Amino acid sequence: MDENLRILYVEDDADIRLVAEMALEGEGFELVICESGQEALNTAVDQKPDVLLLDVMMPGMDGPTTLQKLRELPHLVTTPVIFMTAKVQSEEVAQYKSMGAIGVISKPFDPMTLAEQIRSLVEQKHA
């Protein structure tokens, strides 16, 4: 997979957003960054991301709810989604996967391996 992946990234914590942005843009990813689920819905209408990267715990609209609403947009019905969360008990991970997630990245994440984790999950999905 050589093309640059375009990621719709939704994270309410500015510090985490900044770390992820530096980790991913340095690896050639194109990020469309949103601070909330509502902002993601407004932005996603005219975006064609290759991957949705969603924080689970957000005020207002959480990651799973954001995903449900993004799936109502015809061009995002099958877009791969990865959740990022500190809650990575096996039953929680199973719940996210049942919602269609191709993977769950635990927080705090390692900025040095974040890009590789995302690439690997996307490649597995396309394999």
C-alpha atoms as a PDB file:
ATOM      1  CA  MET A   1       0.000   0.000   0.000  1.00  0.00           C
ATOM      2  CA  ASP A   2       1.983   2.954  -1.274  1.00  0.00           C
ATOM      3  CA  GLU A   3      -0.629   5.672  -1.620  1.00  0.00           C
ATOM      4  CA  ASN A   4      -1.032   8.094   1.231  1.00  0.00           C
ATOM      5  CA  LEU A   5      -3.983   7.187   3.368  1.00  0.00           C
ATOM      6  CA  ARG A   6      -6.486   9.932   4.113  1.00  0.00           C
ATOM      7  CA  ILE A   7      -7.720   9.629   7.689  1.00  0.00           C
ATOM      8  CA  LEU A   8     -10.735  11.303   9.230  1.00  0.00           C
ATOM      9  CA  TYR A   9      -9.422  11.608  12.786  1.00  0.00           C
ATOM     10  CA  VAL A  10     -11.790  12.509  15.625  1.00  0.00           C
ATOM     11  CA  GLU A  11     -10.284  13.259  19.044  1.00  0.00           C
ATOM     12  CA  ASP A  12     -11.496  15.757  21.646  1.00  0.00           C
ATOM     13  CA  ASP A  13      -8.193  16.033  23.570  1.00  0.00           C
ATOM     14  CA  ALA A  14      -5.945  18.682  21.984  1.00  0.00           C
ATOM     15  CA  ASP A  15      -2.700  17.186  23.359  1.00  0.00           C
ATOM     16  CA  ILE A  16      -3.497  13.700  22.061  1.00  0.00           C
ATOM     17  CA  ARG A  17      -4.556  15.183  18.698  1.00  0.00           C
ATOM     18  CA  LEU A  18      -1.253  16.994  18.389  1.00  0.00           C
ATOM     19  CA  VAL A  19       0.843  13.910  19.193  1.00  0.00           C
ATOM     20  CA  ALA A  20      -1.138  11.768  16.729  1.00  0.00           C
ATOM     21  CA  GLU A  21      -0.965  14.483  14.074  1.00  0.00           C
ATOM     22  CA  MET A  22       2.821  14.712  14.349  1.00  0.00           C
ATOM     23  CA  ALA A  23       3.175  10.911  14.386  1.00  0.00           C
ATOM     24  CA  LEU A  24       0.964  10.378  11.324  1.00  0.00           C
ATOM     25  CA  GLU A  25       1.711  13.350   9.094  1.00  0.00           C
ATOM     26  CA  GLY A  26       5.408  12.571   9.454  1.00  0.00           C
ATOM     27  CA  GLU A  27       4.620   9.159   7.971  1.00  0.00           C
ATOM     28  CA  GLY A  28       2.797  10.535   4.943  1.00  0.00           C
ATOM     29  CA  PHE A  29      -0.787  10.218   6.109  1.00  0.00           C
ATOM     30  CA  GLU A  30      -3.206  12.965   5.160  1.00  0.00           C
ATOM     31  CA  LEU A  31      -5.298  13.913   8.185  1.00  0.00           C
ATOM     32  CA  VAL A  32      -8.684  15.549   8.348  1.00  0.00           C
ATOM     33  CA  ILE A  33      -8.869  16.433  12.038  1.00  0.00           C
ATOM     34  CA  CYS A  34     -12.085  16.958  13.979  1.00  0.00           C
ATOM     35  CA  GLU A  35     -12.494  17.819  17.660  1.00  0.00           C
ATOM     36  CA  SER A  36     -15.940  16.262  18.122  1.00  0.00           C
ATOM     37  CA  GLY A  37     -18.383  13.795  16.667  1.00  0.00           C
ATOM     38  CA  GLN A  38     -20.586  16.625  15.449  1.00  0.00           C
ATOM     39  CA  GLU A  39     -17.658  18.298  13.703  1.00  0.00           C
ATOM     40  CA  ALA A  40     -16.819  14.950  12.089  1.00  0.00           C
ATOM     41  CA  LEU A  41     -20.375  14.636  10.741  1.00  0.00           C
ATOM     42  CA  ASN A  42     -20.283  18.174   9.342  1.00  0.00           C
ATOM     43  CA  THR A  43     -16.826  17.640   7.807  1.00  0.00           C
ATOM     44  CA  ALA A  44     -17.387  14.116   6.485  1.00  0.00           C
ATOM     45  CA  VAL A  45     -20.130  15.168   4.093  1.00  0.00           C
ATOM     46  CA  ASP A  46     -17.573  16.376   1.549  1.00  0.00           C
ATOM     47  CA  GLN A  47     -14.603  14.188   2.545  1.00  0.00           C
ATOM     48  CA  LYS A  48     -13.649  10.778   1.188  1.00  0.00           C
ATOM     49  CA  PRO A  49     -11.391   9.348   3.879  1.00  0.00           C
ATOM     50  CA  ASP A  50      -9.749   5.941   3.460  1.00  0.00           C
ATOM     51  CA  VAL A  51      -9.975   5.311   7.209  1.00  0.00           C
ATOM     52  CA  LEU A  52     -11.999   6.628  10.140  1.00  0.00           C
ATOM     53  CA  LEU A  53      -9.941   6.963  13.331  1.00  0.00           C
ATOM     54  CA  LEU A  54     -12.294   7.648  16.227  1.00  0.00           C
ATOM     55  CA  ASP A  55     -11.734   8.325  19.903  1.00  0.00           C
ATOM     56  CA  VAL A  56     -14.264   6.318  21.936  1.00  0.00           C
ATOM     57  CA  MET A  57     -14.755   8.604  24.933  1.00  0.00           C
ATOM     58  CA  MET A  58     -15.799  12.099  23.858  1.00  0.00           C
ATOM     59  CA  PRO A  59     -18.209  14.585  25.403  1.00  0.00           C
ATOM     60  CA  GLY A  60     -21.499  15.020  23.590  1.00  0.00           C
ATOM     61  CA  MET A  61     -21.292  12.293  20.978  1.00  0.00           C
ATOM     62  CA  ASP A  62     -18.997   9.346  21.719  1.00  0.00           C
ATOM     63  CA  GLY A  63     -17.046   7.395  19.112  1.00  0.00           C
ATOM     64  CA  PRO A  64     -19.564   4.559  18.635  1.00  0.00           C
ATOM     65  CA  THR A  65     -22.431   7.057  18.179  1.00  0.00           C
ATOM     66  CA  THR A  66     -20.296   9.107  15.803  1.00  0.00           C
ATOM     67  CA  LEU A  67     -19.628   5.949  13.788  1.00  0.00           C
ATOM     68  CA  GLN A  68     -23.349   5.108  13.600  1.00  0.00           C
ATOM     69  CA  LYS A  69     -24.088   8.581  12.241  1.00  0.00           C
ATOM     70  CA  LEU A  70     -21.124   8.546   9.808  1.00  0.00           C
ATOM     71  CA  ARG A  71     -22.420   5.210   8.451  1.00  0.00           C
ATOM     72  CA  GLU A  72     -25.614   7.032   7.408  1.00  0.00           C
ATOM     73  CA  LEU A  73     -23.526   8.885   4.783  1.00  0.00           C
ATOM     74  CA  PRO A  74     -23.587   6.666   1.666  1.00  0.00           C
ATOM     75  CA  HIS A  75     -19.895   7.188   0.853  1.00  0.00           C
ATOM     76  CA  LEU A  76     -18.819   6.094   4.365  1.00  0.00           C
ATOM     77  CA  VAL A  77     -20.880   2.921   4.719  1.00  0.00           C
ATOM     78  CA  THR A  78     -17.888   0.646   4.163  1.00  0.00           C
ATOM     79  CA  THR A  79     -14.993   2.921   5.179  1.00  0.00           C
ATOM     80  CA  PRO A  80     -12.734   1.020   7.590  1.00  0.00           C
ATOM     81  CA  VAL A  81     -12.895   2.316  11.166  1.00  0.00           C
ATOM     82  CA  ILE A  82     -10.340   2.085  13.959  1.00  0.00           C
ATOM     83  CA  PHE A  83     -11.218   3.073  17.516  1.00  0.00           C
ATOM     84  CA  MET A  84      -8.717   4.593  19.945  1.00  0.00           C
ATOM     85  CA  THR A  85      -9.459   4.116  23.627  1.00  0.00           C
ATOM     86  CA  ALA A  86      -8.029   3.439  27.055  1.00  0.00           C
ATOM     87  CA  LYS A  87     -10.781   0.842  27.516  1.00  0.00           C
ATOM     88  CA  VAL A  88      -9.307  -2.229  25.893  1.00  0.00           C
ATOM     89  CA  GLN A  89     -10.799  -5.077  27.924  1.00  0.00           C
ATOM     90  CA  SER A  90     -11.550  -7.995  25.622  1.00  0.00           C
ATOM     91  CA  GLU A  91     -15.342  -7.547  25.867  1.00  0.00           C
ATOM     92  CA  GLU A  92     -15.025  -3.867  24.950  1.00  0.00           C
ATOM     93  CA  VAL A  93     -12.772  -4.669  22.000  1.00  0.00           C
ATOM     94  CA  ALA A  94     -15.288  -7.338  20.911  1.00  0.00           C
ATOM     95  CA  GLN A  95     -18.077  -4.748  21.097  1.00  0.00           C
ATOM     96  CA  TYR A  96     -16.138  -2.298  18.883  1.00  0.00           C
ATOM     97  CA  LYS A  97     -15.375  -5.060  16.391  1.00  0.00           C
ATOM     98  CA  SER A  98     -19.057  -6.021  16.333  1.00  0.00           C
ATOM     99  CA  MET A  99     -19.714  -2.430  15.221  1.00  0.00           C
ATOM    100  CA  GLY A 100     -17.416  -3.032  12.274  1.00  0.00           C
ATOM    101  CA  ALA A 101     -14.085  -1.769  13.637  1.00  0.00           C
ATOM    102  CA  ILE A 102     -11.063  -3.310  11.918  1.00  0.00           C
ATOM    103  CA  GLY A 103      -9.055  -2.667  15.064  1.00  0.00           C
ATOM    104  CA  VAL A 104      -8.686  -0.926  18.396  1.00  0.00           C
ATOM    105  CA  ILE A 105      -5.582   1.071  19.318  1.00  0.00           C
ATOM    106  CA  SER A 106      -5.057   1.444  23.035  1.00  0.00           C
ATOM    107  CA  LYS A 107      -4.342   4.767  24.685  1.00  0.00           C
ATOM    108  CA  PRO A 108      -1.896   5.970  25.575  1.00  0.00           C
ATOM    109  CA  PHE A 109      -0.546   4.957  22.162  1.00  0.00           C
ATOM    110  CA  ASP A 110       3.101   4.893  21.138  1.00  0.00           C
ATOM    111  CA  PRO A 111       3.650   7.735  18.620  1.00  0.00           C
ATOM    112  CA  MET A 112       6.603   5.825  17.175  1.00  0.00           C
ATOM    113  CA  THR A 113       4.407   2.864  16.160  1.00  0.00           C
ATOM    114  CA  LEU A 114       1.023   4.526  15.559  1.00  0.00           C
ATOM    115  CA  ALA A 115       1.434   4.865  11.780  1.00  0.00           C
ATOM    116  CA  GLU A 116       2.544   1.243  11.480  1.00  0.00           C
ATOM    117  CA  GLN A 117      -0.397   0.045  13.598  1.00  0.00           C
ATOM    118  CA  ILE A 118      -2.846   1.853  11.318  1.00  0.00           C
ATOM    119  CA  ARG A 119      -1.142   0.655   8.116  1.00  0.00           C
ATOM    120  CA  SER A 120      -1.112  -2.906   9.389  1.00  0.00           C
ATOM    121  CA  LEU A 121      -4.830  -2.878  10.281  1.00  0.00           C
ATOM    122  CA  VAL A 122      -5.763  -1.407   6.890  1.00  0.00           C
ATOM    123  CA  GLU A 123      -3.582  -3.922   5.030  1.00  0.00           C
ATOM    124  CA  GLN A 124      -5.162  -6.812   6.954  1.00  0.00           C
ATOM    125  CA  LYS A 125      -8.596  -5.500   5.990  1.00  0.00           C
ATOM    126  CA  HIS A 126      -7.623  -5.414   2.299  1.00  0.00           C
ATOM    127  CA  ALA A 127      -5.806  -8.759   2.371  1.00  0.00           C
END
